[in-house]
Amino acid sequence: MIESLHSPHIARVKALLGSRGKKERRETGQFIAEGLQFLREASAGDANPSIETLYLTTSGRLKAVAAGIEINHLDTVDVSDAVMVAMGETVTPQGILAVCRTPYLRADDLVIADGSRYIFLYEIQDPGNAGTIIRTADATGFSGVITSENSVDIYAPKVVRASAGSLWHLPIFEKMDLETIIDLWPNDQIFALSADGEKSLLDLSLQGPSLWIFGNEARGLDALEISARISRVHIPMAGNAESLNLAAAAAIAMFRVTSASA
């Protein structure tokens, strides 16, 4: 068991979480995930991303065993409670933390079938929004999530936590050019959620695969040149609120897509 607070294992983890974490994650192709929920999802079947090293306290190991999670095939390292606290970011760690391998996917890996539904996040900045949207996309049966350049790092700790394990259920395509994705799309079922959209979300007729674009929290889609193939869609609101939080608006749109396709 590792008990020293000067262990290189701590330095390895902190490098992926600290102020230079984004650069470190990009260069190493690794990121950090904490907690029982992620471990449950990551250990299921052919889940991706893969776990490279799993750090466990005594209580963390007992939690994994009690949850029926098979960890014997993983590279596990036992650490003291103090070392776990020094490693992680959570205030009350569950005693489970892993270094994971980032799965880098290309546009060529994008599978568009008849019932495919994808999200495109355009310059999303808030990690909580990004993680929540990934979680909702998973819950509503979407096929995957695509992000643009200048969007938040999907494998940043706050995004990973907010996704609540859904990173292990959906393919994530990072830093993609929207025009490239549009060129791959087999039909014109491409929608951008916008407060001034000419179509109501409730009036859409959905046929075949669809692509849904959600814009930056502050600027929306202002900086995006809208292709003629993209339909701007708004959410009708009966109340007095000026706008919706991005994650809330995305959830409404995804539920509508799912119910319309059922």
Protein backbone atom coordinates (compact mmCIF):
# COMPACT_ATOMS: atom_id res chain seq x y z
CA MET A 1 0.00 0.00 0.00
CA ILE A 2 1.23 3.49 -0.87
CA GLU A 3 1.27 5.74 2.20
CA SER A 4 3.86 8.38 1.33
CA LEU A 5 2.53 11.79 0.37
CA HIS A 6 5.67 12.21 -1.77
CA SER A 7 4.79 9.27 -4.01
CA PRO A 8 5.25 9.80 -7.77
CA HIS A 9 1.75 8.34 -8.17
CA ILE A 10 0.33 11.49 -6.56
CA ALA A 11 2.37 13.69 -8.88
CA ARG A 12 1.12 11.71 -11.89
CA VAL A 13 -2.52 12.25 -10.93
CA LYS A 14 -2.14 15.89 -9.90
CA ALA A 15 -0.47 16.71 -13.21
CA LEU A 16 -3.67 15.65 -14.99
CA LEU A 17 -5.85 17.69 -12.64
CA GLY A 18 -3.86 20.86 -11.98
CA SER A 19 -3.63 24.22 -13.74
CA ARG A 20 -1.73 22.62 -16.62
CA GLY A 21 -4.04 19.61 -16.67
CA LYS A 22 -5.54 20.34 -20.10
CA LYS A 23 -2.10 20.38 -21.73
CA GLU A 24 -1.05 17.29 -19.79
CA ARG A 25 -4.21 15.41 -20.76
CA ARG A 26 -3.71 16.29 -24.41
CA GLU A 27 -0.06 15.27 -24.45
CA THR A 28 -0.45 12.01 -22.52
CA GLY A 29 -3.87 10.94 -23.78
CA GLN A 30 -4.93 10.36 -20.17
CA PHE A 31 -7.53 11.78 -17.79
CA ILE A 32 -8.78 11.21 -14.25
CA ALA A 33 -12.11 9.76 -13.12
CA GLU A 34 -13.25 9.37 -9.52
CA GLY A 35 -15.97 7.46 -7.70
CA LEU A 36 -18.00 4.27 -7.73
CA GLN A 37 -20.41 5.36 -10.48
CA PHE A 38 -17.68 5.82 -13.08
CA LEU A 39 -16.08 2.50 -12.10
CA ARG A 40 -19.39 0.68 -12.51
CA GLU A 41 -19.88 2.08 -16.02
CA ALA A 42 -16.24 1.70 -17.04
CA SER A 43 -16.20 -1.95 -16.00
CA ALA A 44 -19.28 -2.89 -18.03
CA GLY A 45 -18.62 -4.89 -21.20
CA ASP A 46 -16.48 -3.20 -23.83
CA ALA A 47 -16.80 0.24 -22.24
CA ASN A 48 -14.49 2.91 -23.57
CA PRO A 49 -12.41 4.85 -22.35
CA SER A 50 -10.21 2.19 -20.79
CA ILE A 51 -8.77 2.24 -17.28
CA GLU A 52 -4.97 2.26 -17.14
CA THR A 53 -4.45 2.36 -13.37
CA LEU A 54 -7.06 2.07 -10.62
CA TYR A 55 -6.21 3.51 -7.20
CA LEU A 56 -8.18 2.14 -4.24
CA THR A 57 -8.30 2.74 -0.52
CA THR A 58 -9.40 -0.12 1.69
CA SER A 59 -12.93 1.28 1.85
CA GLY A 60 -12.92 1.92 -1.90
CA ARG A 61 -12.04 -1.68 -2.61
CA LEU A 62 -14.82 -2.86 -0.30
CA LYS A 63 -17.32 -0.61 -2.12
CA ALA A 64 -16.31 -2.04 -5.48
CA VAL A 65 -16.66 -5.61 -4.20
CA ALA A 66 -20.02 -4.87 -2.55
CA ALA A 67 -21.27 -3.41 -5.85
CA GLY A 68 -20.28 -6.60 -7.65
CA ILE A 69 -17.74 -4.84 -9.88
CA GLU A 70 -15.05 -7.08 -11.32
CA ILE A 71 -11.66 -5.38 -10.90
CA ASN A 72 -9.25 -8.32 -10.83
CA HIS A 73 -8.30 -7.78 -14.48
CA LEU A 74 -7.32 -4.16 -13.83
CA ASP A 75 -3.97 -2.72 -12.77
CA THR A 76 -4.88 -1.76 -9.20
CA VAL A 77 -2.80 0.14 -6.66
CA ASP A 78 -3.78 0.30 -2.98
CA VAL A 79 -3.31 3.67 -1.30
CA SER A 80 -3.98 5.13 2.13
CA ASP A 81 -6.88 7.50 2.78
CA ALA A 82 -4.42 10.40 3.08
CA VAL A 83 -2.86 9.62 -0.30
CA MET A 84 -6.30 9.43 -1.91
CA VAL A 85 -7.21 12.85 -0.49
CA ALA A 86 -3.92 14.26 -1.80
CA MET A 87 -4.56 12.80 -5.24
CA GLY A 88 -8.12 13.79 -5.95
CA GLU A 89 -10.30 16.89 -6.17
CA THR A 90 -13.48 15.75 -4.44
CA VAL A 91 -14.08 17.00 -0.89
CA THR A 92 -15.19 13.59 0.38
CA PRO A 93 -13.48 11.01 -1.87
CA GLN A 94 -15.05 7.57 -2.23
CA GLY A 95 -11.66 5.90 -2.24
CA ILE A 96 -11.80 5.10 -5.97
CA LEU A 97 -9.76 7.00 -8.57
CA ALA A 98 -8.40 5.99 -11.95
CA VAL A 99 -6.07 7.16 -14.67
CA CYS A 100 -7.96 6.48 -17.90
CA ARG A 101 -6.99 6.44 -21.57
CA THR A 102 -8.71 9.02 -23.78
CA PRO A 103 -10.33 7.48 -26.88
CA TYR A 104 -9.57 9.86 -29.75
CA LEU A 105 -12.11 9.42 -32.52
CA ARG A 106 -11.98 10.88 -36.04
CA ALA A 107 -14.75 11.94 -38.41
CA ASP A 108 -14.18 8.66 -40.27
CA ASP A 109 -15.31 6.82 -37.13
CA LEU A 110 -18.70 8.54 -37.16
CA VAL A 111 -21.41 5.95 -37.86
CA ILE A 112 -24.60 7.49 -39.25
CA ALA A 113 -27.44 4.98 -39.50
CA ASP A 114 -31.13 5.55 -40.20
CA GLY A 115 -32.01 6.18 -36.55
CA SER A 116 -28.84 8.04 -35.58
CA ARG A 117 -29.16 11.18 -33.45
CA TYR A 118 -26.08 13.26 -32.68
CA ILE A 119 -25.34 16.41 -30.69
CA PHE A 120 -22.89 19.04 -31.94
CA LEU A 121 -21.64 21.37 -29.18
CA TYR A 122 -20.45 24.63 -30.69
CA GLU A 123 -17.86 26.42 -28.52
CA ILE A 124 -19.48 25.28 -25.26
CA GLN A 125 -17.46 26.63 -22.33
CA ASP A 126 -19.15 25.49 -19.13
CA PRO A 127 -17.99 22.04 -17.97
CA GLY A 128 -21.19 21.45 -16.00
CA ASN A 129 -23.29 22.10 -19.09
CA ALA A 130 -21.13 19.84 -21.23
CA GLY A 131 -21.23 16.95 -18.76
CA THR A 132 -24.96 17.31 -18.18
CA ILE A 133 -25.66 17.35 -21.93
CA ILE A 134 -23.60 14.17 -22.38
CA ARG A 135 -25.55 12.54 -19.53
CA THR A 136 -28.89 13.61 -21.04
CA ALA A 137 -27.85 12.46 -24.52
CA ASP A 138 -27.10 9.06 -23.03
CA ALA A 139 -30.41 8.95 -21.14
CA THR A 140 -32.46 9.90 -24.22
CA GLY A 141 -30.80 7.38 -26.52
CA PHE A 142 -28.65 9.67 -28.64
CA SER A 143 -25.89 8.08 -30.70
CA GLY A 144 -22.99 10.35 -29.76
CA VAL A 145 -21.70 13.85 -29.04
CA ILE A 146 -19.48 16.01 -31.25
CA THR A 147 -17.63 19.13 -30.09
CA SER A 148 -16.14 22.01 -32.03
CA GLU A 149 -12.77 23.67 -31.67
CA ASN A 150 -12.71 26.05 -28.69
CA SER A 151 -15.18 23.93 -26.75
CA VAL A 152 -14.46 22.82 -23.19
CA ASP A 153 -12.15 19.83 -22.72
CA ILE A 154 -14.56 16.90 -22.44
CA TYR A 155 -12.11 15.03 -20.20
CA ALA A 156 -11.67 17.87 -17.70
CA PRO A 157 -12.56 16.71 -14.15
CA LYS A 158 -15.77 18.77 -13.86
CA VAL A 159 -17.09 17.46 -17.18
CA VAL A 160 -16.26 13.87 -16.22
CA ARG A 161 -18.08 14.25 -12.89
CA ALA A 162 -21.12 15.95 -14.45
CA SER A 163 -21.44 13.18 -17.05
CA ALA A 164 -22.03 10.69 -14.17
CA GLY A 165 -20.51 7.77 -16.08
CA SER A 166 -22.16 8.48 -19.44
CA LEU A 167 -18.74 9.13 -21.00
CA TRP A 168 -18.46 5.34 -21.03
CA HIS A 169 -21.69 4.91 -23.01
CA LEU A 170 -21.35 7.37 -25.89
CA PRO A 171 -18.70 8.03 -28.53
CA ILE A 172 -17.33 11.57 -28.14
CA PHE A 173 -15.83 13.27 -31.20
CA GLU A 174 -13.76 16.26 -30.10
CA LYS A 175 -12.65 19.37 -31.99
CA MET A 176 -14.53 18.62 -35.21
CA ASP A 177 -15.31 21.11 -37.95
CA LEU A 178 -19.06 21.52 -38.44
CA GLU A 179 -18.77 21.81 -42.22
CA THR A 180 -17.00 18.44 -42.30
CA ILE A 181 -19.82 16.86 -40.29
CA ILE A 182 -22.48 18.46 -42.48
CA ASP A 183 -20.77 17.11 -45.59
CA LEU A 184 -21.01 13.62 -44.10
CA TRP A 185 -24.70 13.97 -43.24
CA PRO A 186 -27.01 12.00 -45.58
CA ASN A 187 -30.05 14.32 -45.37
CA ASP A 188 -31.10 17.81 -44.30
CA GLN A 189 -32.27 16.85 -40.82
CA ILE A 190 -29.79 19.27 -39.23
CA PHE A 191 -31.13 21.63 -36.57
CA ALA A 192 -29.63 24.50 -34.59
CA LEU A 193 -31.33 25.48 -31.34
CA SER A 194 -31.75 29.27 -31.32
CA ALA A 195 -34.01 31.72 -29.48
CA ASP A 196 -34.85 33.38 -32.80
CA GLY A 197 -35.31 30.16 -34.76
CA GLU A 198 -38.00 30.32 -37.42
CA LYS A 199 -39.39 26.86 -36.57
CA SER A 200 -40.91 25.64 -33.33
CA LEU A 201 -39.43 22.53 -31.77
CA LEU A 202 -42.99 21.22 -31.41
CA ASP A 203 -43.73 21.46 -35.14
CA LEU A 204 -40.82 19.43 -36.46
CA SER A 205 -41.23 16.32 -38.55
CA LEU A 206 -38.22 14.09 -37.97
CA GLN A 207 -37.24 11.48 -40.54
CA GLY A 208 -33.97 9.60 -40.68
CA PRO A 209 -30.78 10.60 -38.84
CA SER A 210 -30.69 14.03 -37.21
CA LEU A 211 -27.93 16.36 -36.03
CA TRP A 212 -28.62 18.90 -33.26
CA ILE A 213 -26.40 21.95 -32.78
CA PHE A 214 -26.23 23.74 -29.42
CA GLY A 215 -24.32 27.02 -29.24
CA ASN A 216 -22.08 28.90 -26.84
CA GLU A 217 -23.66 29.86 -23.49
CA ALA A 218 -23.13 33.61 -23.98
CA ARG A 219 -22.99 34.12 -27.76
CA GLY A 220 -25.18 31.27 -28.91
CA LEU A 221 -24.62 30.66 -32.62
CA ASP A 222 -23.73 34.28 -33.48
CA ALA A 223 -20.23 33.42 -34.65
CA LEU A 224 -21.38 30.42 -36.67
CA GLU A 225 -22.06 30.73 -40.36
CA ILE A 226 -25.33 28.86 -40.76
CA SER A 227 -25.42 26.53 -43.75
CA ALA A 228 -28.50 26.43 -45.95
CA ARG A 229 -28.93 22.83 -44.81
CA ILE A 230 -29.39 23.88 -41.16
CA SER A 231 -32.83 24.73 -39.78
CA ARG A 232 -32.95 27.13 -36.83
CA VAL A 233 -35.36 25.90 -34.16
CA HIS A 234 -36.72 27.61 -31.05
CA ILE A 235 -38.35 26.26 -27.88
CA PRO A 236 -41.77 27.93 -27.35
CA MET A 237 -42.05 29.34 -23.83
CA ALA A 238 -45.37 30.24 -22.21
CA GLY A 239 -43.83 31.96 -19.19
CA ASN A 240 -41.86 35.18 -18.70
CA ALA A 241 -38.31 33.80 -18.57
CA GLU A 242 -36.10 35.44 -21.18
CA SER A 243 -34.10 32.29 -21.85
CA LEU A 244 -33.18 28.84 -20.63
CA ASN A 245 -29.93 27.45 -19.29
CA LEU A 246 -28.14 25.64 -22.13
CA ALA A 247 -28.27 22.22 -20.48
CA ALA A 248 -32.00 22.65 -19.73
CA ALA A 249 -32.75 23.73 -23.31
CA ALA A 250 -30.73 20.83 -24.68
CA ALA A 251 -32.61 18.39 -22.44
CA ILE A 252 -35.97 19.65 -23.72
CA ALA A 253 -34.80 19.34 -27.31
CA MET A 254 -33.41 15.83 -26.82
CA PHE A 255 -36.58 14.63 -25.11
CA ARG A 256 -38.64 16.04 -27.97
CA VAL A 257 -36.44 14.26 -30.53
CA THR A 258 -36.73 10.98 -28.67
CA SER A 259 -40.51 11.19 -28.23
CA ALA A 260 -41.03 12.23 -31.86
CA SER A 261 -38.96 9.29 -33.06
CA ALA A 262 -40.61 6.71 -30.79
